[in-house]
Amino acid sequence: MRLLGTISPDRPLIVVAVQEEAAYLGERLPVLFTGIGKVNAAAALATVLARGERPSEIVNLGTAGALRPGWEGTHEVVEVLQHDIDTPVLRELTGRTYGAAITLSDRKGPTLATGDLFVSDPAARDRLALSADLVDMEGYALATVARQAGVPVRLVKHVSDEAGTGAARTWRESVDACARELADWAREQVS
């Protein structure tokens, strides 16, 4: 975890997993680097929010795999779910729901599946495509922490790969271009 800049209530906090995704953001807004995965994301954001000052909103910028053909570009997520928690079994065991989907907006847009798995297997991609459009490794955790802290949150993802065979190679090859697109989006959409 690393925070660049100062959090203040009149500015958003940009949250990214890794430095590669923030390469072109500049120093206009504070940026939190969480590390990869749900635990790192949740721990980093909860830590900085617990220190005191709250931002006007949290904007998570990052890359995502496309779960269906035709998805490309930058998208603001409208719903996020966890794909690696066995919600039906936990509900049966405890009578409570854990890991329910979080609605972020009533606009039209993609559903993001978050899990601690870099999806690079066509069978896993096809299974996830039944309930989501994009996949990442931090979004659900960040949305959960932001909601619990009472801070508005937006998840903005740029498609880096097709979440299938070769996804890791494609991510490495495309992350720089994705970072440019995300920085352009942030300059236009985040004040």
Protein backbone atom coordinates (compact mmCIF):
# COMPACT_ATOMS: atom_id res chain seq x y z
CA MET A 1 0.00 0.00 0.00
CA ARG A 2 1.21 3.46 -0.89
CA LEU A 3 -0.59 6.80 -0.86
CA LEU A 4 0.66 9.65 -3.04
CA GLY A 5 -0.76 13.06 -2.19
CA THR A 6 -3.13 14.18 0.54
CA ILE A 7 -6.73 13.12 1.00
CA SER A 8 -9.19 15.99 1.49
CA PRO A 9 -13.00 16.18 1.53
CA ASP A 10 -13.11 18.44 -1.53
CA ARG A 11 -11.32 16.00 -3.86
CA PRO A 12 -11.75 12.40 -4.98
CA LEU A 13 -9.24 9.68 -4.14
CA ILE A 14 -8.02 7.67 -7.11
CA VAL A 15 -7.44 4.01 -6.22
CA VAL A 16 -5.45 1.61 -8.40
CA ALA A 17 -4.01 -1.83 -7.78
CA VAL A 18 -0.58 -1.36 -9.32
CA GLN A 19 1.65 1.47 -10.49
CA GLU A 20 1.42 0.35 -14.13
CA GLU A 21 -2.28 1.30 -14.17
CA ALA A 22 -1.51 4.83 -12.90
CA ALA A 23 1.48 5.65 -15.08
CA TYR A 24 -0.13 8.74 -16.69
CA LEU A 25 -2.32 10.12 -13.90
CA GLY A 26 0.04 12.90 -12.83
CA GLU A 27 -0.14 14.57 -9.41
CA ARG A 28 -3.45 16.47 -9.67
CA LEU A 29 -5.31 14.07 -7.34
CA PRO A 30 -4.23 11.75 -4.51
CA VAL A 31 -3.60 8.18 -5.65
CA LEU A 32 -3.71 5.05 -3.49
CA PHE A 33 -1.85 1.95 -4.70
CA THR A 34 -3.45 -1.07 -3.01
CA GLY A 35 -1.64 -4.06 -4.44
CA ILE A 36 -3.39 -6.90 -6.25
CA GLY A 37 -6.36 -8.81 -4.88
CA LYS A 38 -9.36 -8.32 -2.62
CA VAL A 39 -7.50 -8.50 0.71
CA ASN A 40 -4.86 -5.96 -0.33
CA ALA A 41 -7.50 -3.65 -1.80
CA ALA A 42 -9.77 -3.79 1.25
CA ALA A 43 -6.94 -3.42 3.76
CA ALA A 44 -5.35 -0.47 1.96
CA LEU A 45 -8.56 1.50 1.48
CA ALA A 46 -9.83 0.79 4.99
CA THR A 47 -6.48 1.90 6.43
CA VAL A 48 -6.41 5.26 4.67
CA LEU A 49 -10.09 5.96 5.40
CA ALA A 50 -9.56 5.14 9.09
CA ARG A 51 -6.80 7.76 9.34
CA GLY A 52 -9.31 10.60 9.33
CA GLU A 53 -9.93 12.70 6.26
CA ARG A 54 -12.44 11.31 3.81
CA PRO A 55 -12.36 12.09 0.07
CA SER A 56 -15.39 13.44 -1.80
CA GLU A 57 -15.53 10.08 -3.58
CA ILE A 58 -13.42 7.04 -4.38
CA VAL A 59 -12.66 6.37 -8.04
CA ASN A 60 -11.14 2.97 -8.72
CA LEU A 61 -9.31 2.96 -12.05
CA GLY A 62 -7.99 -0.31 -13.40
CA THR A 63 -7.81 -2.95 -16.05
CA ALA A 64 -10.33 -5.74 -16.54
CA GLY A 65 -10.75 -8.83 -18.64
CA ALA A 66 -13.66 -9.05 -21.06
CA LEU A 67 -15.88 -12.05 -20.42
CA ARG A 68 -17.70 -11.83 -23.75
CA PRO A 69 -16.63 -10.93 -27.29
CA GLY A 70 -16.95 -7.29 -28.29
CA TRP A 71 -16.12 -5.67 -24.96
CA GLU A 72 -13.36 -3.10 -25.30
CA GLY A 73 -12.62 0.43 -24.14
CA THR A 74 -13.33 2.16 -20.82
CA HIS A 75 -16.48 1.42 -18.81
CA GLU A 76 -18.03 2.68 -15.59
CA VAL A 77 -19.36 -0.35 -13.72
CA VAL A 78 -23.00 -0.32 -12.59
CA GLU A 79 -22.97 -3.56 -10.56
CA VAL A 80 -20.19 -5.59 -8.97
CA LEU A 81 -20.24 -9.11 -7.56
CA GLN A 82 -17.77 -11.58 -6.08
CA HIS A 83 -17.22 -14.64 -8.20
CA ASP A 84 -15.12 -16.61 -5.74
CA ILE A 85 -17.40 -16.80 -2.72
CA ASP A 86 -19.88 -19.65 -2.45
CA THR A 87 -22.88 -17.51 -1.50
CA PRO A 88 -25.57 -20.23 -1.91
CA VAL A 89 -23.75 -22.68 0.36
CA LEU A 90 -23.03 -20.00 2.97
CA ARG A 91 -26.70 -18.95 2.90
CA GLU A 92 -27.73 -22.58 3.41
CA LEU A 93 -25.28 -22.99 6.31
CA THR A 94 -25.94 -19.72 8.12
CA GLY A 95 -29.24 -18.37 6.81
CA ARG A 96 -27.45 -15.14 5.81
CA THR A 97 -26.21 -13.84 2.49
CA TYR A 98 -22.52 -13.05 2.14
CA GLY A 99 -21.08 -11.46 -0.95
CA ALA A 100 -24.32 -10.22 -2.50
CA ALA A 101 -23.98 -8.09 -5.62
CA ILE A 102 -23.58 -4.33 -5.06
CA THR A 103 -25.47 -1.94 -7.32
CA LEU A 104 -23.44 1.21 -7.94
CA SER A 105 -25.69 3.02 -10.40
CA ASP A 106 -29.11 2.80 -11.99
CA ARG A 107 -27.65 3.67 -15.39
CA LYS A 108 -27.05 1.08 -18.06
CA GLY A 109 -23.58 -0.45 -18.04
CA PRO A 110 -21.48 -3.50 -17.27
CA THR A 111 -21.50 -5.89 -14.35
CA LEU A 112 -18.05 -6.58 -12.94
CA ALA A 113 -17.08 -9.91 -11.34
CA THR A 114 -14.30 -9.62 -8.76
CA GLY A 115 -12.23 -12.49 -7.41
CA ASP A 116 -8.76 -13.48 -6.33
CA LEU A 117 -8.08 -15.25 -9.60
CA PHE A 118 -6.49 -13.84 -12.74
CA VAL A 119 -8.89 -15.32 -15.26
CA SER A 120 -6.95 -16.82 -18.16
CA ASP A 121 -8.91 -20.03 -18.68
CA PRO A 122 -11.66 -20.11 -21.32
CA ALA A 123 -13.86 -22.39 -19.18
CA ALA A 124 -13.65 -20.02 -16.19
CA ARG A 125 -14.31 -17.05 -18.49
CA ASP A 126 -17.39 -18.72 -19.97
CA ARG A 127 -18.74 -19.59 -16.50
CA LEU A 128 -18.29 -15.99 -15.31
CA ALA A 129 -19.87 -14.62 -18.50
CA LEU A 130 -23.19 -16.07 -17.32
CA SER A 131 -23.41 -13.33 -14.66
CA ALA A 132 -20.98 -10.56 -15.61
CA ASP A 133 -19.41 -8.66 -18.49
CA LEU A 134 -15.96 -7.85 -17.07
CA VAL A 135 -13.64 -9.39 -14.46
CA ASP A 136 -11.06 -7.87 -12.09
CA MET A 137 -9.42 -8.60 -8.75
CA GLU A 138 -10.21 -5.55 -6.54
CA GLY A 139 -13.50 -3.84 -7.44
CA TYR A 140 -15.89 -5.64 -5.08
CA ALA A 141 -13.59 -5.18 -2.09
CA LEU A 142 -13.20 -1.45 -2.78
CA ALA A 143 -16.94 -0.97 -3.26
CA THR A 144 -17.62 -2.80 0.01
CA VAL A 145 -15.16 -0.70 2.04
CA ALA A 146 -16.36 2.56 0.48
CA ARG A 147 -20.00 1.70 1.18
CA GLN A 148 -19.26 0.76 4.79
CA ALA A 149 -17.38 4.05 5.23
CA GLY A 150 -20.20 6.06 3.64
CA VAL A 151 -18.05 7.37 0.78
CA PRO A 152 -19.40 7.36 -2.79
CA VAL A 153 -17.52 5.01 -5.11
CA ARG A 154 -17.09 4.56 -8.86
CA LEU A 155 -15.38 1.60 -10.51
CA VAL A 156 -13.92 2.44 -13.93
CA LYS A 157 -12.30 -0.35 -15.93
CA HIS A 158 -10.45 -0.42 -19.23
CA VAL A 159 -10.52 -3.76 -21.03
CA SER A 160 -6.99 -5.15 -21.22
CA ASP A 161 -7.61 -8.72 -22.37
CA GLU A 162 -10.22 -11.34 -23.19
CA ALA A 163 -9.83 -13.32 -19.93
CA GLY A 164 -8.82 -16.44 -21.83
CA THR A 165 -5.71 -18.21 -23.03
CA GLY A 166 -2.91 -15.66 -23.33
CA ALA A 167 -4.56 -13.11 -21.02
CA ALA A 168 -1.41 -12.64 -18.92
CA ARG A 169 0.68 -11.89 -22.02
CA THR A 170 -2.02 -9.59 -23.39
CA TRP A 171 -2.25 -7.70 -20.07
CA ARG A 172 1.52 -7.11 -20.02
CA GLU A 173 1.40 -5.88 -23.61
CA SER A 174 -1.66 -3.64 -23.15
CA VAL A 175 -1.35 -2.20 -19.64
CA ASP A 176 0.55 0.90 -20.77
CA ALA A 177 -2.09 1.78 -23.38
CA CYS A 178 -4.81 1.04 -20.81
CA ALA A 179 -3.13 3.40 -18.33
CA ARG A 180 -3.16 6.19 -20.95
CA GLU A 181 -6.88 5.65 -21.60
CA LEU A 182 -7.68 5.60 -17.88
CA ALA A 183 -5.71 8.83 -17.33
CA ASP A 184 -7.58 10.48 -20.22
CA TRP A 185 -10.89 9.35 -18.71
CA ALA A 186 -9.90 10.71 -15.29
CA ARG A 187 -8.91 14.12 -16.72
CA GLU A 188 -12.33 14.42 -18.39
CA GLN A 189 -14.58 12.84 -15.73
CA VAL A 190 -13.01 13.45 -12.31
CA SER A 191 -12.72 16.91 -10.81
